[in-house]
Amino acid sequence: HIPCETDIRVNAERIPVDDYSLCILLGNLLDNSIQECRGIRPPHSLFINISIFTSGTEFVIHITNSSNPEGHDKNDFEYTLYHGYGIENVKKITKEFDGTYMFNQEKSTYESAVIIPIIE
């Protein structure tokens, strides 16, 4: 029950990562977004916005999702169990393809982006 909007404009031939790496990137980023949304209670809104595109020089995965405005208890076992390890995989793959991983945490929004250059 998480509203999800997508904007996907990809030329598949220009994706500069192999299928396995792409699955790891998308799987971990989306899993983190879903887990974050699952911890949010009313009256706070839920959303996940996904934008994936290729431009002339870059492949971009940009995900924005709602975040718990009350923060998290870092001693919460379930929270620590499901957060952290996937981002290390995202960072590793992004670095392997000479890309950049960025994130921004606001009070009620979390934003992440993977930008990988398209080298011809």
PDB file of N, CA and C in Angstrom:
ATOM      1  N   HIS A   1       0.810  -1.197   0.000  1.00  0.00           N
ATOM      2  CA  HIS A   1       0.000   0.000   0.000  1.00  0.00           C
ATOM      3  C   HIS A   1       0.854   1.264   0.000  1.00  0.00           C
ATOM      4  N   ILE A   2       1.969   1.224  -0.692  1.00  0.00           N
ATOM      5  CA  ILE A   2       2.833   2.396  -0.797  1.00  0.00           C
ATOM      6  C   ILE A   2       2.674   2.960  -2.203  1.00  0.00           C
ATOM      7  N   PRO A   3       2.133   4.163  -2.320  1.00  0.00           N
ATOM      8  CA  PRO A   3       2.027   4.760  -3.657  1.00  0.00           C
ATOM      9  C   PRO A   3       3.416   4.908  -4.292  1.00  0.00           C
ATOM     10  N   CYS A   4       3.514   4.464  -5.527  1.00  0.00           N
ATOM     11  CA  CYS A   4       4.809   4.471  -6.213  1.00  0.00           C
ATOM     12  C   CYS A   4       4.639   5.080  -7.599  1.00  0.00           C
ATOM     13  N   GLU A   5       5.446   6.072  -7.895  1.00  0.00           N
ATOM     14  CA  GLU A   5       5.449   6.671  -9.223  1.00  0.00           C
ATOM     15  C   GLU A   5       6.770   6.361  -9.896  1.00  0.00           C
ATOM     16  N   THR A   6       6.708   6.063 -11.178  1.00  0.00           N
ATOM     17  CA  THR A   6       7.928   5.761 -11.921  1.00  0.00           C
ATOM     18  C   THR A   6       8.031   6.640 -13.160  1.00  0.00           C
ATOM     19  N   ASP A   7       9.250   6.966 -13.484  1.00  0.00           N
ATOM     20  CA  ASP A   7       9.565   7.675 -14.722  1.00  0.00           C
ATOM     21  C   ASP A   7      10.806   6.981 -15.278  1.00  0.00           C
ATOM     22  N   ILE A   8      10.594   6.108 -16.239  1.00  0.00           N
ATOM     23  CA  ILE A   8      11.689   5.308 -16.775  1.00  0.00           C
ATOM     24  C   ILE A   8      11.847   5.629 -18.253  1.00  0.00           C
ATOM     25  N   ARG A   9      12.997   6.201 -18.575  1.00  0.00           N
ATOM     26  CA  ARG A   9      13.326   6.567 -19.960  1.00  0.00           C
ATOM     27  C   ARG A   9      14.740   6.055 -20.231  1.00  0.00           C
ATOM     28  N   VAL A  10      14.818   4.790 -20.615  1.00  0.00           N
ATOM     29  CA  VAL A  10      16.112   4.118 -20.737  1.00  0.00           C
ATOM     30  C   VAL A  10      16.288   3.538 -22.129  1.00  0.00           C
ATOM     31  N   ASN A  11      17.452   3.799 -22.691  1.00  0.00           N
ATOM     32  CA  ASN A  11      17.875   3.094 -23.891  1.00  0.00           C
ATOM     33  C   ASN A  11      18.697   1.909 -23.372  1.00  0.00           C
ATOM     34  N   ALA A  12      18.118   0.719 -23.424  1.00  0.00           N
ATOM     35  CA  ALA A  12      18.740  -0.462 -22.823  1.00  0.00           C
ATOM     36  C   ALA A  12      20.153  -0.724 -23.342  1.00  0.00           C
ATOM     37  N   GLU A  13      20.412  -0.363 -24.575  1.00  0.00           N
ATOM     38  CA  GLU A  13      21.739  -0.587 -25.159  1.00  0.00           C
ATOM     39  C   GLU A  13      22.796   0.334 -24.550  1.00  0.00           C
ATOM     40  N   ARG A  14      22.363   1.382 -23.869  1.00  0.00           N
ATOM     41  CA  ARG A  14      23.308   2.346 -23.310  1.00  0.00           C
ATOM     42  C   ARG A  14      23.533   2.171 -21.808  1.00  0.00           C
ATOM     43  N   ILE A  15      22.889   1.180 -21.198  1.00  0.00           N
ATOM     44  CA  ILE A  15      23.101   0.940 -19.768  1.00  0.00           C
ATOM     45  C   ILE A  15      24.515   0.402 -19.586  1.00  0.00           C
ATOM     46  N   PRO A  16      25.360   1.115 -18.826  1.00  0.00           N
ATOM     47  CA  PRO A  16      26.774   0.755 -18.742  1.00  0.00           C
ATOM     48  C   PRO A  16      27.129  -0.302 -17.695  1.00  0.00           C
ATOM     49  N   VAL A  17      26.124  -0.961 -17.121  1.00  0.00           N
ATOM     50  CA  VAL A  17      26.393  -2.004 -16.129  1.00  0.00           C
ATOM     51  C   VAL A  17      25.784  -3.315 -16.604  1.00  0.00           C
ATOM     52  N   ASP A  18      26.352  -4.411 -16.135  1.00  0.00           N
ATOM     53  CA  ASP A  18      25.823  -5.720 -16.496  1.00  0.00           C
ATOM     54  C   ASP A  18      24.511  -5.972 -15.757  1.00  0.00           C
ATOM     55  N   ASP A  19      23.746  -6.954 -16.222  1.00  0.00           N
ATOM     56  CA  ASP A  19      22.429  -7.241 -15.653  1.00  0.00           C
ATOM     57  C   ASP A  19      22.489  -7.561 -14.167  1.00  0.00           C
ATOM     58  N   TYR A  20      23.461  -8.344 -13.756  1.00  0.00           N
ATOM     59  CA  TYR A  20      23.596  -8.722 -12.350  1.00  0.00           C
ATOM     60  C   TYR A  20      23.804  -7.483 -11.472  1.00  0.00           C
ATOM     61  N   SER A  21      24.713  -6.611 -11.880  1.00  0.00           N
ATOM     62  CA  SER A  21      24.988  -5.396 -11.108  1.00  0.00           C
ATOM     63  C   SER A  21      23.771  -4.483 -11.067  1.00  0.00           C
ATOM     64  N   LEU A  22      23.053  -4.395 -12.174  1.00  0.00           N
ATOM     65  CA  LEU A  22      21.849  -3.575 -12.212  1.00  0.00           C
ATOM     66  C   LEU A  22      20.804  -4.109 -11.226  1.00  0.00           C
ATOM     67  N   CYS A  23      20.656  -5.424 -11.169  1.00  0.00           N
ATOM     68  CA  CYS A  23      19.711  -6.022 -10.218  1.00  0.00           C
ATOM     69  C   CYS A  23      20.119  -5.735  -8.780  1.00  0.00           C
ATOM     70  N   ILE A  24      21.404  -5.795  -8.484  1.00  0.00           N
ATOM     71  CA  ILE A  24      21.886  -5.496  -7.132  1.00  0.00           C
ATOM     72  C   ILE A  24      21.591  -4.036  -6.784  1.00  0.00           C
ATOM     73  N   LEU A  25      21.887  -3.116  -7.712  1.00  0.00           N
ATOM     74  CA  LEU A  25      21.626  -1.699  -7.474  1.00  0.00           C
ATOM     75  C   LEU A  25      20.145  -1.449  -7.209  1.00  0.00           C
ATOM     76  N   LEU A  26      19.304  -1.867  -8.138  1.00  0.00           N
ATOM     77  CA  LEU A  26      17.872  -1.623  -7.997  1.00  0.00           C
ATOM     78  C   LEU A  26      17.283  -2.345  -6.787  1.00  0.00           C
ATOM     79  N   GLY A  27      17.663  -3.583  -6.601  1.00  0.00           N
ATOM     80  CA  GLY A  27      17.129  -4.367  -5.483  1.00  0.00           C
ATOM     81  C   GLY A  27      17.432  -3.743  -4.136  1.00  0.00           C
ATOM     82  N   ASN A  28      18.669  -3.335  -3.931  1.00  0.00           N
ATOM     83  CA  ASN A  28      19.047  -2.752  -2.647  1.00  0.00           C
ATOM     84  C   ASN A  28      18.423  -1.381  -2.429  1.00  0.00           C
ATOM     85  N   LEU A  29      18.428  -0.528  -3.457  1.00  0.00           N
ATOM     86  CA  LEU A  29      17.838   0.797  -3.309  1.00  0.00           C
ATOM     87  C   LEU A  29      16.330   0.717  -3.054  1.00  0.00           C
ATOM     88  N   LEU A  30      15.651  -0.144  -3.781  1.00  0.00           N
ATOM     89  CA  LEU A  30      14.206  -0.279  -3.587  1.00  0.00           C
ATOM     90  C   LEU A  30      13.874  -0.962  -2.267  1.00  0.00           C
ATOM     91  N   ASP A  31      14.656  -1.945  -1.879  1.00  0.00           N
ATOM     92  CA  ASP A  31      14.428  -2.611  -0.597  1.00  0.00           C
ATOM     93  C   ASP A  31      14.559  -1.619   0.555  1.00  0.00           C
ATOM     94  N   ASN A  32      15.568  -0.763   0.500  1.00  0.00           N
ATOM     95  CA  ASN A  32      15.731   0.251   1.546  1.00  0.00           C
ATOM     96  C   ASN A  32      14.551   1.213   1.568  1.00  0.00           C
ATOM     97  N   SER A  33      14.060   1.610   0.393  1.00  0.00           N
ATOM     98  CA  SER A  33      12.911   2.512   0.325  1.00  0.00           C
ATOM     99  C   SER A  33      11.666   1.876   0.927  1.00  0.00           C
ATOM    100  N   ILE A  34      11.421   0.630   0.587  1.00  0.00           N
ATOM    101  CA  ILE A  34      10.242  -0.074   1.105  1.00  0.00           C
ATOM    102  C   ILE A  34      10.355  -0.255   2.612  1.00  0.00           C
ATOM    103  N   GLN A  35      11.513  -0.672   3.088  1.00  0.00           N
ATOM    104  CA  GLN A  35      11.699  -0.859   4.532  1.00  0.00           C
ATOM    105  C   GLN A  35      11.490   0.447   5.293  1.00  0.00           C
ATOM    106  N   GLU A  36      11.981   1.547   4.734  1.00  0.00           N
ATOM    107  CA  GLU A  36      11.799   2.848   5.380  1.00  0.00           C
ATOM    108  C   GLU A  36      10.313   3.204   5.453  1.00  0.00           C
ATOM    109  N   CYS A  37       9.596   2.996   4.364  1.00  0.00           N
ATOM    110  CA  CYS A  37       8.172   3.321   4.337  1.00  0.00           C
ATOM    111  C   CYS A  37       7.368   2.447   5.294  1.00  0.00           C
ATOM    112  N   ARG A  38       7.775   1.216   5.466  1.00  0.00           N
ATOM    113  CA  ARG A  38       7.046   0.311   6.358  1.00  0.00           C
ATOM    114  C   ARG A  38       7.092   0.782   7.810  1.00  0.00           C
ATOM    115  N   GLY A  39       8.064   1.593   8.161  1.00  0.00           N
ATOM    116  CA  GLY A  39       8.178   2.079   9.530  1.00  0.00           C
ATOM    117  C   GLY A  39       7.426   3.371   9.793  1.00  0.00           C
ATOM    118  N   ILE A  40       6.717   3.886   8.811  1.00  0.00           N
ATOM    119  CA  ILE A  40       6.012   5.159   8.949  1.00  0.00           C
ATOM    120  C   ILE A  40       4.547   4.897   9.295  1.00  0.00           C
ATOM    121  N   ARG A  41       4.061   5.607  10.279  1.00  0.00           N
ATOM    122  CA  ARG A  41       2.674   5.443  10.724  1.00  0.00           C
ATOM    123  C   ARG A  41       1.864   6.699  10.424  1.00  0.00           C
ATOM    124  N   PRO A  42       0.528   6.529  10.244  1.00  0.00           N
ATOM    125  CA  PRO A  42      -0.335   7.691  10.023  1.00  0.00           C
ATOM    126  C   PRO A  42      -0.166   8.692  11.168  1.00  0.00           C
ATOM    127  N   PRO A  43      -0.283   9.938  10.891  1.00  0.00           N
ATOM    128  CA  PRO A  43      -0.858  10.578   9.709  1.00  0.00           C
ATOM    129  C   PRO A  43       0.171  10.880   8.625  1.00  0.00           C
ATOM    130  N   HIS A  44       1.391  10.394   8.754  1.00  0.00           N
ATOM    131  CA  HIS A  44       2.440  10.694   7.781  1.00  0.00           C
ATOM    132  C   HIS A  44       2.188   9.928   6.487  1.00  0.00           C
ATOM    133  N   SER A  45       2.473  10.577   5.370  1.00  0.00           N
ATOM    134  CA  SER A  45       2.188   9.980   4.068  1.00  0.00           C
ATOM    135  C   SER A  45       3.324   9.061   3.621  1.00  0.00           C
ATOM    136  N   LEU A  46       2.964   8.122   2.771  1.00  0.00           N
ATOM    137  CA  LEU A  46       3.916   7.174   2.193  1.00  0.00           C
ATOM    138  C   LEU A  46       4.044   7.436   0.705  1.00  0.00           C
ATOM    139  N   PHE A  47       5.267   7.320   0.189  1.00  0.00           N
ATOM    140  CA  PHE A  47       5.463   7.409  -1.253  1.00  0.00           C
ATOM    141  C   PHE A  47       6.848   6.902  -1.611  1.00  0.00           C
ATOM    142  N   ILE A  48       6.970   6.416  -2.828  1.00  0.00           N
ATOM    143  CA  ILE A  48       8.259   6.098  -3.438  1.00  0.00           C
ATOM    144  C   ILE A  48       8.190   6.612  -4.869  1.00  0.00           C
ATOM    145  N   ASN A  49       9.143   7.453  -5.245  1.00  0.00           N
ATOM    146  CA  ASN A  49       9.242   7.963  -6.610  1.00  0.00           C
ATOM    147  C   ASN A  49      10.546   7.452  -7.214  1.00  0.00           C
ATOM    148  N   ILE A  50      10.446   6.832  -8.365  1.00  0.00           N
ATOM    149  CA  ILE A  50      11.596   6.220  -9.021  1.00  0.00           C
ATOM    150  C   ILE A  50      11.775   6.834 -10.402  1.00  0.00           C
ATOM    151  N   SER A  51      12.976   7.311 -10.661  1.00  0.00           N
ATOM    152  CA  SER A  51      13.312   7.847 -11.979  1.00  0.00           C
ATOM    153  C   SER A  51      14.591   7.146 -12.441  1.00  0.00           C
ATOM    154  N   ILE A  52      14.515   6.506 -13.587  1.00  0.00           N
ATOM    155  CA  ILE A  52      15.670   5.812 -14.155  1.00  0.00           C
ATOM    156  C   ILE A  52      15.779   6.260 -15.605  1.00  0.00           C
ATOM    157  N   PHE A  53      16.958   6.762 -15.968  1.00  0.00           N
ATOM    158  CA  PHE A  53      17.092   7.226 -17.347  1.00  0.00           C
ATOM    159  C   PHE A  53      18.542   7.171 -17.822  1.00  0.00           C
ATOM    160  N   THR A  54      18.670   7.168 -19.125  1.00  0.00           N
ATOM    161  CA  THR A  54      19.975   7.318 -19.762  1.00  0.00           C
ATOM    162  C   THR A  54      19.949   8.660 -20.482  1.00  0.00           C
ATOM    163  N   SER A  55      21.051   9.376 -20.347  1.00  0.00           N
ATOM    164  CA  SER A  55      21.207  10.628 -21.087  1.00  0.00           C
ATOM    165  C   SER A  55      22.336  10.399 -22.084  1.00  0.00           C
ATOM    166  N   GLY A  56      22.829  11.444 -22.664  1.00  0.00           N
ATOM    167  CA  GLY A  56      23.931  11.304 -23.597  1.00  0.00           C
ATOM    168  C   GLY A  56      25.197  10.777 -22.953  1.00  0.00           C
ATOM    169  N   THR A  57      25.375  11.066 -21.669  1.00  0.00           N
ATOM    170  CA  THR A  57      26.642  10.703 -21.012  1.00  0.00           C
ATOM    171  C   THR A  57      26.482   9.956 -19.700  1.00  0.00           C
ATOM    172  N   GLU A  58      25.236   9.745 -19.225  1.00  0.00           N
ATOM    173  CA  GLU A  58      25.053   9.153 -17.902  1.00  0.00           C
ATOM    174  C   GLU A  58      23.877   8.179 -17.850  1.00  0.00           C
ATOM    175  N   PHE A  59      24.010   7.232 -16.942  1.00  0.00           N
ATOM    176  CA  PHE A  59      22.917   6.347 -16.552  1.00  0.00           C
ATOM    177  C   PHE A  59      22.576   6.726 -15.126  1.00  0.00           C
ATOM    178  N   VAL A  60      21.304   7.030 -14.860  1.00  0.00           N
ATOM    179  CA  VAL A  60      20.911   7.552 -13.551  1.00  0.00           C
ATOM    180  C   VAL A  60      19.765   6.734 -12.956  1.00  0.00           C
ATOM    181  N   ILE A  61      19.924   6.388 -11.681  1.00  0.00           N
ATOM    182  CA  ILE A  61      18.848   5.815 -10.879  1.00  0.00           C
ATOM    183  C   ILE A  61      18.623   6.802  -9.742  1.00  0.00           C
ATOM    184  N   HIS A  62      17.434   7.371  -9.677  1.00  0.00           N
ATOM    185  CA  HIS A  62      17.122   8.377  -8.657  1.00  0.00           C
ATOM    186  C   HIS A  62      15.846   7.936  -7.940  1.00  0.00           C
ATOM    187  N   ILE A  63      15.939   7.738  -6.631  1.00  0.00           N
ATOM    188  CA  ILE A  63      14.793   7.280  -5.855  1.00  0.00           C
ATOM    189  C   ILE A  63      14.579   8.227  -4.677  1.00  0.00           C
ATOM    190  N   THR A  64      13.341   8.659  -4.520  1.00  0.00           N
ATOM    191  CA  THR A  64      12.942   9.486  -3.382  1.00  0.00           C
ATOM    192  C   THR A  64      11.813   8.761  -2.669  1.00  0.00           C
ATOM    193  N   ASN A  65      11.896   8.691  -1.363  1.00  0.00           N
ATOM    194  CA  ASN A  65      10.828   8.054  -0.603  1.00  0.00           C
ATOM    195  C   ASN A  65      10.561   8.793   0.695  1.00  0.00           C
ATOM    196  N   SER A  66       9.374   8.544   1.232  1.00  0.00           N
ATOM    197  CA  SER A  66       9.047   9.135   2.520  1.00  0.00           C
ATOM    198  C   SER A  66       9.933   8.498   3.582  1.00  0.00           C
ATOM    199  N   SER A  67      10.188   9.264   4.612  1.00  0.00           N
ATOM    200  CA  SER A  67      11.054   8.832   5.694  1.00  0.00           C
ATOM    201  C   SER A  67      10.356   9.130   7.017  1.00  0.00           C
ATOM    202  N   ASN A  68      10.696   8.391   8.011  1.00  0.00           N
ATOM    203  CA  ASN A  68      10.075   8.569   9.319  1.00  0.00           C
ATOM    204  C   ASN A  68      10.487   9.923   9.901  1.00  0.00           C
ATOM    205  N   PRO A  69       9.561  10.871  10.014  1.00  0.00           N
ATOM    206  CA  PRO A  69       9.918  12.209  10.515  1.00  0.00           C
ATOM    207  C   PRO A  69      10.319  12.202  11.983  1.00  0.00           C
ATOM    208  N   GLU A  70      10.011  11.117  12.687  1.00  0.00           N
ATOM    209  CA  GLU A  70      10.374  11.016  14.105  1.00  0.00           C
ATOM    210  C   GLU A  70      11.721  10.340  14.295  1.00  0.00           C
ATOM    211  N   GLY A  71      12.355   9.971  13.190  1.00  0.00           N
ATOM    212  CA  GLY A  71      13.654   9.311  13.273  1.00  0.00           C
ATOM    213  C   GLY A  71      13.508   7.845  13.625  1.00  0.00           C
ATOM    214  N   HIS A  72      14.634   7.212  13.905  1.00  0.00           N
ATOM    215  CA  HIS A  72      14.662   5.790  14.230  1.00  0.00           C
ATOM    216  C   HIS A  72      15.436   5.575  15.508  1.00  0.00           C
ATOM    217  N   ASP A  73      15.022   4.554  16.207  1.00  0.00           N
ATOM    218  CA  ASP A  73      15.778   4.117  17.376  1.00  0.00           C
ATOM    219  C   ASP A  73      16.904   3.223  16.855  1.00  0.00           C
ATOM    220  N   LYS A  74      18.122   3.717  16.906  1.00  0.00           N
ATOM    221  CA  LYS A  74      19.260   2.971  16.360  1.00  0.00           C
ATOM    222  C   LYS A  74      19.513   1.675  17.123  1.00  0.00           C
ATOM    223  N   ASN A  75      18.876   1.484  18.281  1.00  0.00           N
ATOM    224  CA  ASN A  75      18.992   0.230  19.027  1.00  0.00           C
ATOM    225  C   ASN A  75      17.914  -0.768  18.630  1.00  0.00           C
ATOM    226  N   ASP A  76      17.008  -0.353  17.732  1.00  0.00           N
ATOM    227  CA  ASP A  76      15.939  -1.216  17.265  1.00  0.00           C
ATOM    228  C   ASP A  76      16.544  -2.325  16.399  1.00  0.00           C
ATOM    229  N   PHE A  77      16.443  -3.562  16.855  1.00  0.00           N
ATOM    230  CA  PHE A  77      17.067  -4.693  16.175  1.00  0.00           C
ATOM    231  C   PHE A  77      16.573  -4.835  14.743  1.00  0.00           C
ATOM    232  N   GLU A  78      15.258  -4.720  14.528  1.00  0.00           N
ATOM    233  CA  GLU A  78      14.719  -4.881  13.172  1.00  0.00           C
ATOM    234  C   GLU A  78      15.248  -3.798  12.240  1.00  0.00           C
ATOM    235  N   TYR A  79      15.359  -2.577  12.723  1.00  0.00           N
ATOM    236  CA  TYR A  79      15.872  -1.486  11.889  1.00  0.00           C
ATOM    237  C   TYR A  79      17.328  -1.756  11.501  1.00  0.00           C
ATOM    238  N   THR A  80      18.152  -2.116  12.469  1.00  0.00           N
ATOM    239  CA  THR A  80      19.566  -2.359  12.161  1.00  0.00           C
ATOM    240  C   THR A  80      19.741  -3.620  11.326  1.00  0.00           C
ATOM    241  N   LEU A  81      18.845  -4.590  11.479  1.00  0.00           N
ATOM    242  CA  LEU A  81      18.922  -5.818  10.693  1.00  0.00           C
ATOM    243  C   LEU A  81      18.719  -5.539   9.210  1.00  0.00           C
ATOM    244  N   TYR A  82      17.805  -4.624   8.879  1.00  0.00           N
ATOM    245  CA  TYR A  82      17.444  -4.397   7.494  1.00  0.00           C
ATOM    246  C   TYR A  82      18.128  -3.199   6.849  1.00  0.00           C
ATOM    247  N   HIS A  83      18.946  -2.453   7.563  1.00  0.00           N
ATOM    248  CA  HIS A  83      19.549  -1.262   6.981  1.00  0.00           C
ATOM    249  C   HIS A  83      21.071  -1.319   7.049  1.00  0.00           C
ATOM    250  N   GLY A  84      21.697  -0.820   5.983  1.00  0.00           N
ATOM    251  CA  GLY A  84      23.141  -0.651   6.006  1.00  0.00           C
ATOM    252  C   GLY A  84      23.922  -1.521   5.060  1.00  0.00           C
ATOM    253  N   TYR A  85      23.647  -2.802   5.019  1.00  0.00           N
ATOM    254  CA  TYR A  85      24.464  -3.704   4.211  1.00  0.00           C
ATOM    255  C   TYR A  85      24.240  -3.505   2.720  1.00  0.00           C
ATOM    256  N   GLY A  86      23.010  -3.261   2.325  1.00  0.00           N
ATOM    257  CA  GLY A  86      22.701  -3.069   0.911  1.00  0.00           C
ATOM    258  C   GLY A  86      23.364  -1.846   0.330  1.00  0.00           C
ATOM    259  N   ILE A  87      23.461  -0.793   1.108  1.00  0.00           N
ATOM    260  CA  ILE A  87      24.093   0.435   0.627  1.00  0.00           C
ATOM    261  C   ILE A  87      25.574   0.200   0.362  1.00  0.00           C
ATOM    262  N   GLU A  88      26.207  -0.634   1.149  1.00  0.00           N
ATOM    263  CA  GLU A  88      27.614  -0.961   0.886  1.00  0.00           C
ATOM    264  C   GLU A  88      27.757  -1.635  -0.471  1.00  0.00           C
ATOM    265  N   ASN A  89      26.815  -2.497  -0.828  1.00  0.00           N
ATOM    266  CA  ASN A  89      26.832  -3.127  -2.153  1.00  0.00           C
ATOM    267  C   ASN A  89      26.610  -2.093  -3.247  1.00  0.00           C
ATOM    268  N   VAL A  90      25.704  -1.155  -3.013  1.00  0.00           N
ATOM    269  CA  VAL A  90      25.443  -0.084  -3.985  1.00  0.00           C
ATOM    270  C   VAL A  90      26.709   0.738  -4.190  1.00  0.00           C
ATOM    271  N   LYS A  91      27.361   1.111  -3.104  1.00  0.00           N
ATOM    272  CA  LYS A  91      28.595   1.899  -3.196  1.00  0.00           C
ATOM    273  C   LYS A  91      29.682   1.142  -3.946  1.00  0.00           C
ATOM    274  N   LYS A  92      29.820  -0.145  -3.662  1.00  0.00           N
ATOM    275  CA  LYS A  92      30.857  -0.960  -4.300  1.00  0.00           C
ATOM    276  C   LYS A  92      30.635  -1.052  -5.813  1.00  0.00           C
ATOM    277  N   ILE A  93      29.411  -1.339  -6.219  1.00  0.00           N
ATOM    278  CA  ILE A  93      29.125  -1.465  -7.651  1.00  0.00           C
ATOM    279  C   ILE A  93      29.257  -0.120  -8.348  1.00  0.00           C
ATOM    280  N   THR A  94      28.760   0.925  -7.717  1.00  0.00           N
ATOM    281  CA  THR A  94      28.864   2.263  -8.309  1.00  0.00           C
ATOM    282  C   THR A  94      30.324   2.634  -8.529  1.00  0.00           C
ATOM    283  N   LYS A  95      31.160   2.368  -7.547  1.00  0.00           N
ATOM    284  CA  LYS A  95      32.593   2.668  -7.668  1.00  0.00           C
ATOM    285  C   LYS A  95      33.232   1.814  -8.767  1.00  0.00           C
ATOM    286  N   GLU A  96      32.835   0.561  -8.854  1.00  0.00           N
ATOM    287  CA  GLU A  96      33.377  -0.350  -9.870  1.00  0.00           C
ATOM    288  C   GLU A  96      33.154   0.176 -11.286  1.00  0.00           C
ATOM    289  N   PHE A  97      32.040   0.887 -11.484  1.00  0.00           N
ATOM    290  CA  PHE A  97      31.719   1.435 -12.793  1.00  0.00           C
ATOM    291  C   PHE A  97      32.023   2.934 -12.876  1.00  0.00           C
ATOM    292  N   ASP A  98      32.919   3.401 -11.998  1.00  0.00           N
ATOM    293  CA  ASP A  98      33.375   4.804 -11.973  1.00  0.00           C
ATOM    294  C   ASP A  98      32.234   5.801 -11.801  1.00  0.00           C
ATOM    295  N   GLY A  99      31.222   5.410 -11.044  1.00  0.00           N
ATOM    296  CA  GLY A  99      30.076   6.270 -10.828  1.00  0.00           C
ATOM    297  C   GLY A  99      30.094   6.956  -9.476  1.00  0.00           C
ATOM    298  N   THR A 100      28.980   7.588  -9.171  1.00  0.00           N
ATOM    299  CA  THR A 100      28.811   8.335  -7.932  1.00  0.00           C
ATOM    300  C   THR A 100      27.513   7.907  -7.269  1.00  0.00           C
ATOM    301  N   TYR A 101      27.574   7.686  -5.960  1.00  0.00           N
ATOM    302  CA  TYR A 101      26.376   7.426  -5.159  1.00  0.00           C
ATOM    303  C   TYR A 101      26.185   8.614  -4.231  1.00  0.00           C
ATOM    304  N   MET A 102      24.974   9.170  -4.237  1.00  0.00           N
ATOM    305  CA  MET A 102      24.678  10.313  -3.368  1.00  0.00           C
ATOM    306  C   MET A 102      23.375  10.045  -2.635  1.00  0.00           C
ATOM    307  N   PHE A 103      23.251  10.635  -1.453  1.00  0.00           N
ATOM    308  CA  PHE A 103      21.988  10.552  -0.726  1.00  0.00           C
ATOM    309  C   PHE A 103      21.780  11.829   0.065  1.00  0.00           C
ATOM    310  N   ASN A 104      20.525  12.084   0.390  1.00  0.00           N
ATOM    311  CA  ASN A 104      20.170  13.252   1.177  1.00  0.00           C
ATOM    312  C   ASN A 104      19.003  12.874   2.081  1.00  0.00           C
ATOM    313  N   GLN A 105      19.152  13.129   3.357  1.00  0.00           N
ATOM    314  CA  GLN A 105      18.105  12.843   4.336  1.00  0.00           C
ATOM    315  C   GLN A 105      17.514  14.152   4.831  1.00  0.00           C
ATOM    316  N   GLU A 106      16.247  14.329   4.578  1.00  0.00           N
ATOM    317  CA  GLU A 106      15.505  15.466   5.122  1.00  0.00           C
ATOM    318  C   GLU A 106      14.655  14.917   6.258  1.00  0.00           C
ATOM    319  N   LYS A 107      13.864  15.773   6.879  1.00  0.00           N
ATOM    320  CA  LYS A 107      13.054  15.325   8.003  1.00  0.00           C
ATOM    321  C   LYS A 107      12.095  14.196   7.621  1.00  0.00           C
ATOM    322  N   SER A 108      11.395  14.331   6.497  1.00  0.00           N
ATOM    323  CA  SER A 108      10.410  13.315   6.130  1.00  0.00           C
ATOM    324  C   SER A 108      10.629  12.738   4.731  1.00  0.00           C
ATOM    325  N   THR A 109      11.815  12.954   4.161  1.00  0.00           N
ATOM    326  CA  THR A 109      12.130  12.453   2.820  1.00  0.00           C
ATOM    327  C   THR A 109      13.569  11.949   2.770  1.00  0.00           C
ATOM    328  N   TYR A 110      13.752  10.834   2.093  1.00  0.00           N
ATOM    329  CA  TYR A 110      15.086  10.296   1.843  1.00  0.00           C
ATOM    330  C   TYR A 110      15.257  10.214   0.330  1.00  0.00           C
ATOM    331  N   GLU A 111      16.391  10.676  -0.153  1.00  0.00           N
ATOM    332  CA  GLU A 111      16.657  10.715  -1.582  1.00  0.00           C
ATOM    333  C   GLU A 111      17.993  10.038  -1.851  1.00  0.00           C
ATOM    334  N   SER A 112      18.021   9.156  -2.841  1.00  0.00           N
ATOM    335  CA  SER A 112      19.286   8.523  -3.223  1.00  0.00           C
ATOM    336  C   SER A 112      19.417   8.551  -4.736  1.00  0.00           C
ATOM    337  N   ALA A 113      20.665   8.618  -5.192  1.00  0.00           N
ATOM    338  CA  ALA A 113      20.925   8.647  -6.627  1.00  0.00           C
ATOM    339  C   ALA A 113      22.223   7.918  -6.935  1.00  0.00           C
ATOM    340  N   VAL A 114      22.191   7.148  -7.983  1.00  0.00           N
ATOM    341  CA  VAL A 114      23.371   6.497  -8.534  1.00  0.00           C
ATOM    342  C   VAL A 114      23.538   7.075  -9.935  1.00  0.00           C
ATOM    343  N   ILE A 115      24.721   7.612 -10.206  1.00  0.00           N
ATOM    344  CA  ILE A 115      25.019   8.192 -11.518  1.00  0.00           C
ATOM    345  C   ILE A 115      26.271   7.496 -12.040  1.00  0.00           C
ATOM    346  N   ILE A 116      26.130   6.840 -13.169  1.00  0.00           N
ATOM    347  CA  ILE A 116      27.239   6.091 -13.764  1.00  0.00           C
ATOM    348  C   ILE A 116      27.480   6.630 -15.171  1.00  0.00           C
ATOM    349  N   PRO A 117      28.724   6.996 -15.457  1.00  0.00           N
ATOM    350  CA  PRO A 117      29.012   7.546 -16.787  1.00  0.00           C
ATOM    351  C   PRO A 117      28.848   6.486 -17.880  1.00  0.00           C
ATOM    352  N   ILE A 118      28.403   6.927 -19.035  1.00  0.00           N
ATOM    353  CA  ILE A 118      28.338   6.070 -20.211  1.00  0.00           C
ATOM    354  C   ILE A 118      29.580   6.381 -21.035  1.00  0.00           C
ATOM    355  N   ILE A 119      30.465   5.420 -21.079  1.00  0.00           N
ATOM    356  CA  ILE A 119      31.738   5.605 -21.787  1.00  0.00           C
ATOM    357  C   ILE A 119      31.684   4.815 -23.081  1.00  0.00           C
ATOM    358  N   GLU A 120      31.915   5.517 -24.170  1.00  0.00           N
ATOM    359  CA  GLU A 120      31.855   4.839 -25.471  1.00  0.00           C
ATOM    360  C   GLU A 120      33.218   4.719 -26.078  1.00  0.00           C
TER     361      GLU A 120
END
